[in-house]
Every structure is written in C-alpha cells, then in structure tokens.
Amino acid sequence: MASYGCTVEWSRADAVFTDQKYSRAHAWRFDGGAVVAASSSPHSVRVPLSDPAAVDPEEALVAAVSSCHMLWFLSLAAQRGIVIESYRDAAEGRMGTFGDGRRGIVEVLLRPAVLVGGGVAPADGEIEALHHAAHEHCDIAHSIRGEVRVQGSWRAGDAR
C-alpha cells in the first residue's frame, strides 16, 4: 500500500505564543524537494498573524481534489484517444456545518473548462462520462467527508 507524506515546519521565533499573537505562517516540505509557503486562512486568523499570500489547508484540500480529478480525467481521455489541449479548473470549497454540528468543507465544486483538440469534437455526453469516471477513480475525493461535485465545460479548438 502506498504512503504519502510531507514535513510541516513552524517556528515560534520571538513571539510570546501564549498570548495567541504568533505567526501561523509555516512551510510544507515534500519529498521531491518542493517547499510550499503555508499559513492559516485569513478567514480563520486575522492578518498579519496569517499570511494571505501563502496556501492555507482549506485551499490545499480543494486543490488536491481538483488536481486528482484533472489527472484522472486526462489519463482517461488519453486512453480513449481524445486529445486535450488544456484544462483549467476554478475549483471552490465551501465551509459549513455537517449534520453532527462539526464544521468542515461541506462541498467542493469543480468547474473544469476543457479545450479539446485533435480535430475531433466528442459529444457532450462523452466528456461528462469522462468527468464521472475521473470522479470514481479519485481517491482524494473519496477521502473527504463533504460532497465533491463537478460542473465542467469544454470547447473544441486549438490552444494558441
């Protein structure tokens, strides 16, 4: 079974800490060498204690769902001989309260805009079927408690 991880690093620096006025900025370090500036969301902790330029965990969750869906969509399209020129998803997660009273991301809305090339325009149903299949394959989407929905679009043309 595969295992995935990263190292999350934070340091108090010279903050008092117990007064709750410490920086929430930290780093995510991945095994391939990528380092991502991270922070709490400014929706949760006010600036300057949060860094609005950094990625917050809620954004990362939405990005992970979107990225997983896209990677499966591209793979499945290639298997079916459908040429994808570009893919752009303006994904959005919505925070709310679950039935048990706990707060969390209750919905992730994917809005993939797909540019299909190769001189062949598939039927709308074919693209929708690819999105459905991609969702069925995406382990990230199956790992979260909130609903993951897809509202995609596509158009034929060349990426220029």
C-alpha atoms as a PDB file:
ATOM      1  CA  MET A   1       0.000   0.000   0.000  1.00  0.00           C
ATOM      2  CA  ALA A   2       1.346   3.442  -0.884  1.00  0.00           C
ATOM      3  CA  SER A   3       2.130   6.016   1.764  1.00  0.00           C
ATOM      4  CA  TYR A   4       2.192   9.772   1.259  1.00  0.00           C
ATOM      5  CA  GLY A   5       3.696  12.401   3.468  1.00  0.00           C
ATOM      6  CA  CYS A   6       5.201  15.784   3.854  1.00  0.00           C
ATOM      7  CA  THR A   7       7.001  17.637   6.578  1.00  0.00           C
ATOM      8  CA  VAL A   8       5.188  20.608   8.077  1.00  0.00           C
ATOM      9  CA  GLU A   9       7.521  23.074   9.801  1.00  0.00           C
ATOM     10  CA  TRP A  10       6.705  26.040  12.017  1.00  0.00           C
ATOM     11  CA  SER A  11       8.791  28.045  14.433  1.00  0.00           C
ATOM     12  CA  ARG A  12       7.712  30.440  17.171  1.00  0.00           C
ATOM     13  CA  ALA A  13      10.642  32.804  16.520  1.00  0.00           C
ATOM     14  CA  ASP A  14      10.417  35.600  19.100  1.00  0.00           C
ATOM     15  CA  ALA A  15       6.638  35.569  19.615  1.00  0.00           C
ATOM     16  CA  VAL A  16       5.270  35.245  23.162  1.00  0.00           C
ATOM     17  CA  PHE A  17       2.967  32.462  21.913  1.00  0.00           C
ATOM     18  CA  THR A  18       0.653  32.158  24.909  1.00  0.00           C
ATOM     19  CA  ASP A  19      -0.961  35.483  24.024  1.00  0.00           C
ATOM     20  CA  GLN A  20      -2.168  33.916  20.735  1.00  0.00           C
ATOM     21  CA  LYS A  21      -0.271  36.601  18.757  1.00  0.00           C
ATOM     22  CA  TYR A  22       2.134  34.267  16.979  1.00  0.00           C
ATOM     23  CA  SER A  23       2.513  33.875  13.236  1.00  0.00           C
ATOM     24  CA  ARG A  24       0.635  30.997  11.665  1.00  0.00           C
ATOM     25  CA  ALA A  25       2.991  31.027   8.655  1.00  0.00           C
ATOM     26  CA  HIS A  26       4.780  27.730   8.139  1.00  0.00           C
ATOM     27  CA  ALA A  27       6.256  25.549   5.382  1.00  0.00           C
ATOM     28  CA  TRP A  28       5.217  22.309   3.734  1.00  0.00           C
ATOM     29  CA  ARG A  29       8.238  20.313   2.568  1.00  0.00           C
ATOM     30  CA  PHE A  30       7.682  17.454   0.159  1.00  0.00           C
ATOM     31  CA  ASP A  31       9.960  14.510  -0.595  1.00  0.00           C
ATOM     32  CA  GLY A  32      10.679  15.726  -4.128  1.00  0.00           C
ATOM     33  CA  GLY A  33      12.140  18.959  -2.757  1.00  0.00           C
ATOM     34  CA  ALA A  34       9.166  21.271  -3.241  1.00  0.00           C
ATOM     35  CA  VAL A  35       8.590  23.727  -0.421  1.00  0.00           C
ATOM     36  CA  VAL A  36       5.240  25.486  -0.160  1.00  0.00           C
ATOM     37  CA  ALA A  37       4.606  28.553   1.972  1.00  0.00           C
ATOM     38  CA  ALA A  38       1.569  27.767   4.100  1.00  0.00           C
ATOM     39  CA  SER A  39      -0.497  29.568   6.713  1.00  0.00           C
ATOM     40  CA  SER A  40      -3.852  29.545   8.392  1.00  0.00           C
ATOM     41  CA  SER A  41      -6.609  31.104   6.359  1.00  0.00           C
ATOM     42  CA  PRO A  42      -7.152  34.826   6.891  1.00  0.00           C
ATOM     43  CA  HIS A  43     -10.817  33.779   7.299  1.00  0.00           C
ATOM     44  CA  SER A  44      -9.759  31.945  10.465  1.00  0.00           C
ATOM     45  CA  VAL A  45      -6.924  34.061  11.848  1.00  0.00           C
ATOM     46  CA  ARG A  46      -6.518  37.749  11.065  1.00  0.00           C
ATOM     47  CA  VAL A  47      -3.647  39.222   9.080  1.00  0.00           C
ATOM     48  CA  PRO A  48      -0.760  39.705   9.955  1.00  0.00           C
ATOM     49  CA  LEU A  49      -0.921  36.520  12.039  1.00  0.00           C
ATOM     50  CA  SER A  50      -1.959  34.727   8.847  1.00  0.00           C
ATOM     51  CA  ASP A  51      -0.149  35.150   5.557  1.00  0.00           C
ATOM     52  CA  PRO A  52      -2.710  35.721   2.780  1.00  0.00           C
ATOM     53  CA  ALA A  53      -0.030  35.025   0.135  1.00  0.00           C
ATOM     54  CA  ALA A  54       0.524  31.502   1.478  1.00  0.00           C
ATOM     55  CA  VAL A  55      -1.569  28.393   0.857  1.00  0.00           C
ATOM     56  CA  ASP A  56      -3.948  27.537   3.669  1.00  0.00           C
ATOM     57  CA  PRO A  57      -5.087  23.983   4.474  1.00  0.00           C
ATOM     58  CA  GLU A  58      -8.589  24.587   3.142  1.00  0.00           C
ATOM     59  CA  GLU A  59      -7.204  25.788  -0.207  1.00  0.00           C
ATOM     60  CA  ALA A  60      -4.840  22.820  -0.280  1.00  0.00           C
ATOM     61  CA  LEU A  61      -7.721  20.393   0.204  1.00  0.00           C
ATOM     62  CA  VAL A  62      -9.653  21.960  -2.668  1.00  0.00           C
ATOM     63  CA  ALA A  63      -6.514  21.950  -4.857  1.00  0.00           C
ATOM     64  CA  ALA A  64      -5.856  18.282  -4.039  1.00  0.00           C
ATOM     65  CA  VAL A  65      -9.389  17.270  -5.060  1.00  0.00           C
ATOM     66  CA  SER A  66      -9.178  19.353  -8.244  1.00  0.00           C
ATOM     67  CA  SER A  67      -5.718  18.063  -9.165  1.00  0.00           C
ATOM     68  CA  CYS A  68      -6.688  14.433  -8.565  1.00  0.00           C
ATOM     69  CA  HIS A  69      -9.799  14.816 -10.719  1.00  0.00           C
ATOM     70  CA  MET A  70      -7.826  16.504 -13.509  1.00  0.00           C
ATOM     71  CA  LEU A  71      -5.089  13.863 -13.558  1.00  0.00           C
ATOM     72  CA  TRP A  72      -7.647  11.057 -13.845  1.00  0.00           C
ATOM     73  CA  PHE A  73      -9.635  12.970 -16.479  1.00  0.00           C
ATOM     74  CA  LEU A  74      -6.514  13.485 -18.619  1.00  0.00           C
ATOM     75  CA  SER A  75      -5.484   9.839 -18.285  1.00  0.00           C
ATOM     76  CA  LEU A  76      -8.932   8.536 -19.195  1.00  0.00           C
ATOM     77  CA  ALA A  77      -9.249  10.946 -22.144  1.00  0.00           C
ATOM     78  CA  ALA A  78      -5.861   9.819 -23.485  1.00  0.00           C
ATOM     79  CA  GLN A  79      -6.901   6.161 -23.153  1.00  0.00           C
ATOM     80  CA  ARG A  80      -9.978   6.943 -25.271  1.00  0.00           C
ATOM     81  CA  GLY A  81      -7.975   8.821 -27.898  1.00  0.00           C
ATOM     82  CA  ILE A  82      -9.442  12.220 -27.022  1.00  0.00           C
ATOM     83  CA  VAL A  83      -6.803  14.952 -27.323  1.00  0.00           C
ATOM     84  CA  ILE A  84      -6.973  17.506 -24.511  1.00  0.00           C
ATOM     85  CA  GLU A  85      -5.189  20.763 -25.306  1.00  0.00           C
ATOM     86  CA  SER A  86      -5.771  22.463 -21.958  1.00  0.00           C
ATOM     87  CA  TYR A  87      -7.655  22.067 -18.710  1.00  0.00           C
ATOM     88  CA  ARG A  88      -8.411  24.842 -16.233  1.00  0.00           C
ATOM     89  CA  ASP A  89     -10.463  24.379 -13.080  1.00  0.00           C
ATOM     90  CA  ALA A  90     -11.683  27.280 -10.944  1.00  0.00           C
ATOM     91  CA  ALA A  91     -12.391  24.955  -8.024  1.00  0.00           C
ATOM     92  CA  GLU A  92     -14.054  26.192  -4.867  1.00  0.00           C
ATOM     93  CA  GLY A  93     -14.619  24.703  -1.435  1.00  0.00           C
ATOM     94  CA  ARG A  94     -17.423  25.792   0.851  1.00  0.00           C
ATOM     95  CA  MET A  95     -17.071  25.707   4.629  1.00  0.00           C
ATOM     96  CA  GLY A  96     -20.176  24.866   6.608  1.00  0.00           C
ATOM     97  CA  THR A  97     -21.630  22.702   9.332  1.00  0.00           C
ATOM     98  CA  PHE A  98     -22.337  18.991   8.989  1.00  0.00           C
ATOM     99  CA  GLY A  99     -25.427  17.341  10.467  1.00  0.00           C
ATOM    100  CA  ASP A 100     -23.487  16.356  13.587  1.00  0.00           C
ATOM    101  CA  GLY A 101     -22.651  20.023  14.277  1.00  0.00           C
ATOM    102  CA  ARG A 102     -19.000  19.819  13.224  1.00  0.00           C
ATOM    103  CA  ARG A 103     -17.628  22.396  10.812  1.00  0.00           C
ATOM    104  CA  GLY A 104     -15.717  21.461   7.705  1.00  0.00           C
ATOM    105  CA  ILE A 105     -15.543  21.690   3.953  1.00  0.00           C
ATOM    106  CA  VAL A 106     -19.075  20.556   3.167  1.00  0.00           C
ATOM    107  CA  GLU A 107     -18.758  20.860  -0.597  1.00  0.00           C
ATOM    108  CA  VAL A 108     -16.089  21.067  -3.262  1.00  0.00           C
ATOM    109  CA  LEU A 109     -17.270  22.442  -6.586  1.00  0.00           C
ATOM    110  CA  LEU A 110     -15.083  21.658  -9.589  1.00  0.00           C
ATOM    111  CA  ARG A 111     -15.558  23.813 -12.678  1.00  0.00           C
ATOM    112  CA  PRO A 112     -13.200  22.334 -15.260  1.00  0.00           C
ATOM    113  CA  ALA A 113     -13.018  24.130 -18.601  1.00  0.00           C
ATOM    114  CA  VAL A 114     -11.534  21.716 -21.113  1.00  0.00           C
ATOM    115  CA  LEU A 115     -10.187  22.544 -24.565  1.00  0.00           C
ATOM    116  CA  VAL A 116     -10.440  19.513 -26.855  1.00  0.00           C
ATOM    117  CA  GLY A 117      -8.185  19.369 -29.905  1.00  0.00           C
ATOM    118  CA  GLY A 118      -7.111  16.774 -32.392  1.00  0.00           C
ATOM    119  CA  GLY A 119      -9.737  17.749 -34.943  1.00  0.00           C
ATOM    120  CA  VAL A 120     -12.391  15.578 -33.274  1.00  0.00           C
ATOM    121  CA  ALA A 121     -15.179  17.090 -31.184  1.00  0.00           C
ATOM    122  CA  PRO A 122     -16.590  14.465 -28.820  1.00  0.00           C
ATOM    123  CA  ALA A 123     -20.233  14.523 -27.800  1.00  0.00           C
ATOM    124  CA  ASP A 124     -21.093  16.365 -24.586  1.00  0.00           C
ATOM    125  CA  GLY A 125     -22.095  13.047 -23.065  1.00  0.00           C
ATOM    126  CA  GLU A 126     -18.627  11.664 -23.681  1.00  0.00           C
ATOM    127  CA  ILE A 127     -16.933  14.485 -21.770  1.00  0.00           C
ATOM    128  CA  GLU A 128     -19.470  14.185 -18.944  1.00  0.00           C
ATOM    129  CA  ALA A 129     -18.797  10.435 -18.814  1.00  0.00           C
ATOM    130  CA  LEU A 130     -15.056  11.133 -18.534  1.00  0.00           C
ATOM    131  CA  HIS A 131     -15.693  13.509 -15.631  1.00  0.00           C
ATOM    132  CA  HIS A 132     -17.871  10.895 -13.934  1.00  0.00           C
ATOM    133  CA  ALA A 133     -15.216   8.204 -14.412  1.00  0.00           C
ATOM    134  CA  ALA A 134     -12.473  10.538 -13.168  1.00  0.00           C
ATOM    135  CA  HIS A 135     -14.505  11.219 -10.035  1.00  0.00           C
ATOM    136  CA  GLU A 136     -14.995   7.496  -9.464  1.00  0.00           C
ATOM    137  CA  HIS A 137     -11.214   6.967  -9.658  1.00  0.00           C
ATOM    138  CA  CYS A 138     -10.167   9.926  -7.473  1.00  0.00           C
ATOM    139  CA  ASP A 139      -9.170   8.586  -4.057  1.00  0.00           C
ATOM    140  CA  ILE A 140      -8.805  12.127  -2.711  1.00  0.00           C
ATOM    141  CA  ALA A 141     -12.463  12.903  -3.420  1.00  0.00           C
ATOM    142  CA  HIS A 142     -13.449   9.664  -1.678  1.00  0.00           C
ATOM    143  CA  SER A 143     -11.324  10.569   1.329  1.00  0.00           C
ATOM    144  CA  ILE A 144     -13.210  13.658   2.399  1.00  0.00           C
ATOM    145  CA  ARG A 145     -16.499  13.869   4.217  1.00  0.00           C
ATOM    146  CA  GLY A 146     -18.088  16.658   2.193  1.00  0.00           C
ATOM    147  CA  GLU A 147     -19.655  16.191  -1.198  1.00  0.00           C
ATOM    148  CA  VAL A 148     -17.496  16.677  -4.268  1.00  0.00           C
ATOM    149  CA  ARG A 149     -19.365  17.891  -7.332  1.00  0.00           C
ATOM    150  CA  VAL A 150     -18.204  18.636 -10.858  1.00  0.00           C
ATOM    151  CA  GLN A 151     -19.600  21.342 -13.119  1.00  0.00           C
ATOM    152  CA  GLY A 152     -17.360  21.230 -16.153  1.00  0.00           C
ATOM    153  CA  SER A 153     -17.320  22.825 -19.534  1.00  0.00           C
ATOM    154  CA  TRP A 154     -15.429  22.115 -22.712  1.00  0.00           C
ATOM    155  CA  ARG A 155     -14.903  23.558 -26.134  1.00  0.00           C
ATOM    156  CA  ALA A 156     -13.192  22.396 -29.287  1.00  0.00           C
ATOM    157  CA  GLY A 157     -10.325  24.327 -30.781  1.00  0.00           C
ATOM    158  CA  ASP A 158      -6.589  24.701 -30.867  1.00  0.00           C
ATOM    159  CA  ALA A 159      -4.640  26.041 -27.916  1.00  0.00           C
ATOM    160  CA  ARG A 160      -2.879  29.091 -29.304  1.00  0.00           C
END
